[in-house]
Amino acid sequence: MKKLLSKQIGVQFFYCPSPVTLDKRASWGNDPSNFQQGPNGAFLKTDANGNISHLVQPNADNTAPIGWQPSMIGITNTYDKKPIWINPEQIEAGVVLEVKTLDGDIVYTVNEPSHICYNSATDGSADLNDCWVQAVTELVKNYEYDV
C-alpha cells in the first residue's frame, strides 16, 4: 500500500439526512449494481460546475463525509480530504472489477488506467473495508501521486 496526501481543500458537500440512492451507471458502466446507496443519509459532493458528482457516507456523528474533515478555510459545507491509500498495482482499461464499498457492491468498468483506493482508518492505516476505484488522471489531479 502507498499513502497519498490530498490536494483537495475546501470542497463543497451538501448533507442530506434522508436515505439517498444515486444511479452512477452513466459514468461507472451500465451494470445494474452501479448505484450508490446512502441508507442513513449522505454527503453529496459537488464538482467544479456545482453539480452533484457522487455521494459519500457520513461519519459516525454526521459532522463530515467519511475520509474528510471540516475545512481549515472555515467556510460552511466545505471539507478537506484526508490522506488515502492506494494499491500501487495499476489496473488497465478494459478490466471489470466488482468491489464491496461502503456504498454497496459496485461493478467498475475501468475506462483508463486506475488504482484501488482506500480511506484511512482511525489509526491512520488503510481501511480495507472502505475502497473504490479511481483513475490515475484523477489521482494526479487530486493527490500527491508519484507511483
Protein backbone atom coordinates (compact mmCIF):
# COMPACT_ATOMS: atom_id res chain seq x y z
CA MET A 1 0.00 0.00 0.00
CA LYS A 2 1.08 3.56 -0.70
CA LYS A 3 -0.19 6.61 1.20
CA LEU A 4 -1.15 9.69 -0.85
CA LEU A 5 -1.66 13.18 0.56
CA SER A 6 -4.61 15.13 -0.81
CA LYS A 7 -4.68 18.44 -2.68
CA GLN A 8 -8.45 18.70 -2.08
CA ILE A 9 -9.07 21.64 0.25
CA GLY A 10 -12.38 23.45 0.73
CA VAL A 11 -14.51 21.04 -1.34
CA GLN A 12 -18.24 21.68 -1.11
CA PHE A 13 -20.64 18.98 0.04
CA PHE A 14 -24.31 19.11 0.97
CA TYR A 15 -25.62 16.87 3.72
CA CYS A 16 -28.89 15.01 3.14
CA PRO A 17 -30.17 13.25 6.30
CA SER A 18 -32.71 11.19 4.32
CA PRO A 19 -31.88 7.91 2.55
CA VAL A 20 -30.28 8.59 -0.85
CA THR A 21 -29.67 6.49 -3.97
CA LEU A 22 -27.60 7.74 -6.90
CA ASP A 23 -27.56 5.98 -10.27
CA LYS A 24 -23.90 6.11 -11.42
CA ARG A 25 -24.27 3.85 -14.48
CA ALA A 26 -23.63 6.69 -16.95
CA SER A 27 -20.11 7.27 -15.59
CA TRP A 28 -19.23 3.91 -13.97
CA GLY A 29 -20.57 1.49 -16.58
CA ASN A 30 -24.01 0.17 -17.40
CA ASP A 31 -24.10 -2.53 -14.74
CA PRO A 32 -27.25 -2.76 -12.60
CA SER A 33 -25.09 -2.73 -9.44
CA ASN A 34 -23.70 0.76 -10.13
CA PHE A 35 -25.96 2.59 -7.72
CA GLN A 36 -24.59 4.37 -4.66
CA GLN A 37 -26.66 3.81 -1.54
CA GLY A 38 -26.83 6.17 1.42
CA PRO A 39 -29.39 4.42 3.66
CA ASN A 40 -28.62 6.69 6.63
CA GLY A 41 -28.27 9.88 4.65
CA ALA A 42 -25.19 11.04 2.78
CA PHE A 43 -22.94 13.93 1.92
CA LEU A 44 -23.38 14.90 -1.73
CA LYS A 45 -20.10 16.04 -3.31
CA THR A 46 -20.16 18.77 -5.91
CA ASP A 47 -17.90 19.09 -8.94
CA ALA A 48 -16.31 22.28 -10.27
CA ASN A 49 -19.59 23.21 -12.01
CA GLY A 50 -21.67 22.84 -8.84
CA ASN A 51 -23.27 19.57 -10.00
CA ILE A 52 -23.56 16.56 -7.67
CA SER A 53 -20.77 14.14 -8.63
CA HIS A 54 -21.36 11.34 -6.13
CA LEU A 55 -22.28 10.61 -2.53
CA VAL A 56 -20.07 9.92 0.46
CA GLN A 57 -21.29 8.14 3.59
CA PRO A 58 -21.42 10.29 6.74
CA ASN A 59 -19.03 9.70 9.62
CA ALA A 60 -20.44 8.32 12.91
CA ASP A 61 -21.65 11.70 14.20
CA ASN A 62 -22.73 13.12 10.78
CA THR A 63 -20.26 16.02 11.01
CA ALA A 64 -18.30 15.19 7.84
CA PRO A 65 -18.15 12.73 4.96
CA ILE A 66 -16.07 9.62 5.74
CA GLY A 67 -12.47 10.34 4.74
CA TRP A 68 -12.94 14.10 5.02
CA GLN A 69 -12.71 16.71 7.79
CA PRO A 70 -14.25 20.18 8.15
CA SER A 71 -12.16 22.53 6.05
CA MET A 72 -9.41 24.63 7.51
CA ILE A 73 -10.65 27.51 5.35
CA GLY A 74 -13.68 27.79 7.65
CA ILE A 75 -16.47 28.05 5.07
CA THR A 76 -19.72 26.21 5.88
CA ASN A 77 -20.27 22.95 3.97
CA THR A 78 -16.62 22.70 2.87
CA TYR A 79 -14.28 19.83 3.72
CA ASP A 80 -10.65 18.82 3.25
CA LYS A 81 -9.78 15.29 2.11
CA LYS A 82 -7.71 13.22 4.49
CA PRO A 83 -4.83 11.11 3.08
CA ILE A 84 -5.79 7.94 1.20
CA TRP A 85 -4.03 4.68 0.46
CA ILE A 86 -3.73 3.00 -2.93
CA ASN A 87 -2.75 -0.42 -4.12
CA PRO A 88 0.28 0.51 -6.28
CA GLU A 89 -0.61 -2.13 -8.88
CA GLN A 90 -2.19 -0.22 -11.75
CA ILE A 91 -5.41 -1.55 -13.30
CA GLU A 92 -5.57 -1.19 -17.07
CA ALA A 93 -8.51 -0.06 -19.20
CA GLY A 94 -11.00 -2.79 -20.07
CA VAL A 95 -10.85 -4.56 -16.71
CA VAL A 96 -14.16 -5.04 -14.90
CA LEU A 97 -13.95 -5.15 -11.10
CA GLU A 98 -16.62 -5.98 -8.53
CA VAL A 99 -15.83 -4.02 -5.38
CA LYS A 100 -17.52 -4.06 -1.98
CA THR A 101 -17.77 -0.44 -0.86
CA LEU A 102 -19.48 1.46 1.94
CA ASP A 103 -21.98 2.49 -0.74
CA GLY A 104 -22.82 -1.11 -1.60
CA ASP A 105 -21.39 -3.60 -4.08
CA ILE A 106 -20.30 -1.76 -7.23
CA VAL A 107 -19.07 -3.12 -10.57
CA TYR A 108 -16.49 -0.76 -12.05
CA THR A 109 -15.72 -0.87 -15.76
CA VAL A 110 -12.21 0.59 -15.88
CA ASN A 111 -12.01 3.01 -18.81
CA GLU A 112 -8.47 4.27 -18.20
CA PRO A 113 -5.51 3.24 -16.00
CA SER A 114 -6.68 3.22 -12.37
CA HIS A 115 -5.90 2.07 -8.83
CA ILE A 116 -7.92 0.59 -5.99
CA CYS A 117 -8.04 3.28 -3.28
CA TYR A 118 -8.79 3.15 0.46
CA ASN A 119 -9.67 5.80 3.02
CA SER A 120 -7.56 5.93 6.16
CA ALA A 121 -8.83 4.12 9.26
CA THR A 122 -8.91 5.93 12.61
CA ASP A 123 -5.41 4.59 13.37
CA GLY A 124 -4.06 6.03 10.08
CA SER A 125 -3.71 2.68 8.28
CA ALA A 126 -5.65 1.74 5.12
CA ASP A 127 -9.29 0.88 5.85
CA LEU A 128 -9.67 -2.27 3.75
CA ASN A 129 -13.46 -2.11 4.21
CA ASP A 130 -13.68 1.30 2.52
CA CYS A 131 -12.42 1.13 -1.06
CA TRP A 132 -13.17 2.41 -4.53
CA VAL A 133 -11.55 2.54 -7.98
CA GLN A 134 -10.09 5.85 -9.18
CA ALA A 135 -8.43 6.78 -12.46
CA VAL A 136 -4.75 7.78 -12.43
CA THR A 137 -5.72 11.10 -14.08
CA GLU A 138 -7.96 11.89 -11.07
CA LEU A 139 -5.28 10.75 -8.60
CA VAL A 140 -2.72 13.06 -10.27
CA LYS A 141 -5.20 15.95 -10.14
CA ASN A 142 -6.33 15.42 -6.52
CA TYR A 143 -3.38 13.83 -4.68
CA GLU A 144 0.41 13.95 -4.40
CA TYR A 145 0.67 10.99 -6.84
CA ASP A 146 4.18 9.68 -7.50
CA VAL A 147 3.68 5.96 -8.11
